Amino acid sequence: MNRLSLTRTPEGFEARLDGRLVVEHRPGRAFLSAGRGEGRYDMHHGNFEVTEALAELVALEDFELDIRPEGGAEVRFSRRGLYPVRAEFSEVRGRLVVRFQAEPEPGEDPSSRPNRYRVRLPAEASEHVYGAGEQFSYFDLRGRVFPLWTSEQGVGRNKLTEVTRLADLHDKAGGDYYWTFYPQPTFCSSRRVFYHFDATAWASFDFRFPDRHEYYVWQLPASMTVGAADSMPNLLSDLTDLLGRQPELPDWAYDGVVLGIQGGTETCLAKLERARAAGIPVSGIWAQDWEGINMTSFGQRLRWNWVWDPERYPGLDRAIRKLKAEGVRFLGYINPYVAAGKSLFEEAAAKDLLARRADGSIYRVDFGEFEAGIVDFTKPEAFAWYKGVIRKNLIELGLAGWMADFGEYLPTDAVLADGTPAELAHNEWPALWARANREAVDEAGAAGEIVYFMRAGWTGSQKWCPMMWAGDQNVDWSKDDGLPSVIPAALSLAMSGHGLHHSDIGGYTTLFMMKRTKELFQRWAELSAFTPFMRTHEGNRPKDNWQFDSDEETLAHLASMTRLHVALKPYIQECVRDTARRGLPVQRPVFLHFEEDPEAWGIQDQFLLGPDLLVAPVLEEGARMRRFHLPPGEWIEFWSDRVLRSPSPAGATLEVEAPIGKPPAFFKPRSEWRDVFRKAAREAEHRDASAAASGDRL
């Protein structure tokens, strides 16, 4: 049975998928527009100012429609013969696929060809929209414009805040609500439809209009894919079937917290011993400075030469083997750039593996007080060489994982080996970087043993990257760039097809008088206990920040939250399996399982962990009560076994006590996992002998 129907209307045509209007074309509402413009990209340390001089954009209202008896159609759009585009409409695996192809006009000057396109899509006034990659400020995208360009996420990300103002003045780094490491030309709608575009150029989604959505892009998309389903879970399953799914995590990843530690072998081992003495289950040490450090005015940076530094980490190879025998993995750091003047840069330059400038010289990107070369992933020899670097220098050393950082710094004026304009390769670069990591792991025979995590992404990251992390949040409580921002980040990625996400416990960016407090670290740890992966970070200025071992009470609190996380292992593992099998995320929007609850569609400060556990973390400094939305039905309070009821189909707004150490969470009474949840609560409240002897208390 065909799910797609194409019909003529009095003045145009429309396409429906399972009865839902997904494409329409008529006078005054052209499906496609075309024109010309010129863009300018100003990159400064990964922060981009993108501007445009638009010459014209005309609606291609004229059309010739050929509906085929066997299904599908061919449509030729133009405006009085100008800017002709042929669009092939077909049903593929139950989805609508529209393939676009520009048709040059006879005698056309190539320089006058269109390079700007707008696609208009039908919408309803009450519709909610989600996705567009990883969005930190707003989960429901309706009412705003979202440019799609991978970049630094920005500091503060709100032009009304002092932190953003100072970051803009200092380094053009303040950002705005739409700045993101991981954009994606995909969105899901509460109408139970998704749209995905195959294009890599700068683009934007405009969701401000009550009757339409607009996608504007600086190239003709190769295609547009539309899916429809009878429920939001089925819609996500279909989307992830299209884009790819993350594999299951290694078993060790659930067995404790990964401690972010720096400073050398002895420092790592000493801090590990202190954590163990405090009763903290530790599954790994993440030492990003395993290959050396570089001190800058921003703080402690890394050497960017991905070779073990035996002076800073003496005996690391032996320590890694010993730690693994004790159940503790060692994780490191790498990114797709090599510091100028270091050994890997010199090797890559000698082999002609680095991107170049138009004058033929090697492109050296300014990363803030040092420069680095770009491994040219469009050159097969360079791609293979860098996979070899990962295999030899990380995997053979014994690393069980790493932060695969950056990916968003490709300058638009770089010259790439395969001839692709860098402005078209820029957005796709993080996905190529993810693929390099994935293939290195697979070729080393280490699939299922290693976890690498990334901040930058694009279409394709779903199948190449097993785990995202939220990037460089401020060490504060701000909505746009602090602790509260990591929930919409996880949920928007979930609605873009990427279901595994975590964040730096305590945040990272420590600038402009910001310093991580004890309370912020503790509340962040409470949220992280209900995510698929727990990992701490010292931040860019460790001495300014409260750390996991700054006092005994913080150690005891982290022990409690980590025990909770470990006790939830069977449930979280099943949620991850659900991601691998069906594409349903681990952290889920409330509406994913409560579609009839009208309040659920606007929630971005709480989430479901899998189908049965509701989590409402404390996101405000000093708060000891938490106001939250309880979906319909009965729920059991995680910490007390108290029954809460929400008889209304619209759910209920409640307030509960939320002392430090007991983040609000609730589970379904009939859940098959209720015994696991009860055990997790008991484990979190248990004080081991060493903690009790120290006299500390939560």
Foldseek 3Di string as FASTA:
>chain_A
DAQWDWDADPAWIFIGGVNHTWATAGVVQAQKKWAAKDKDWDDFLFDIDIDIDGPDIGRQRDKDWDADPVGWIWMWTHDVPHFIKIWTWGADPRKTKIFIDTDDDVPDDVVGHTQKMKGKTWAAQLKWKFFQAFFQQAGGCAQAKAKNAATAQAACQPPVDPRLVVCCVPTNGHHHRRHFQAGEQKMAMLQQKIKHFAFQFIWMWGRNDRTIIMIMGRHDTRMMIMHGDPANLQSLLVLCVVQHAFAFAALLQLQFAAEEDEFEQVRQVVVVVVLVLQQGGAQEYEYAQQPHWDQDPQFIHHQQALAGDCVRYPPLLVVQVVVVVVNYHYEYAHEQWHWPPDDVQVVCVVVVQFWAAPVRHFDWDPNHPTTTTGGQLVDVVSLVVVLVSCLPRAVVSRHQEYEHEDQQPQDQRIQHDVRPRSSRCRLVRVLSSLQSPQVSCVVNVNPSRHAYEYRHYYRNCRNRHNAYEPPAAFLDLDSSGHLLSRQSSQASNLSNLYAAYYYAQRGARADDPGEHDLVSNLLSLQVRLLGSGHYHHCHRHNVRYDGCVNDSQSSNSNSLSRLLSSLCSVVLSVQSVCCNPRSRHQWYQPCSQLVLQVVSSRDRQWTARPDWKTFRGDRDPPDQKDKDWAAAAWKAWLQPRDIDHQPDSNTDIDMDTHDRQRGTMIGDPPDPCVVSSNVSNVSSPDRDPSSVVVVDDD
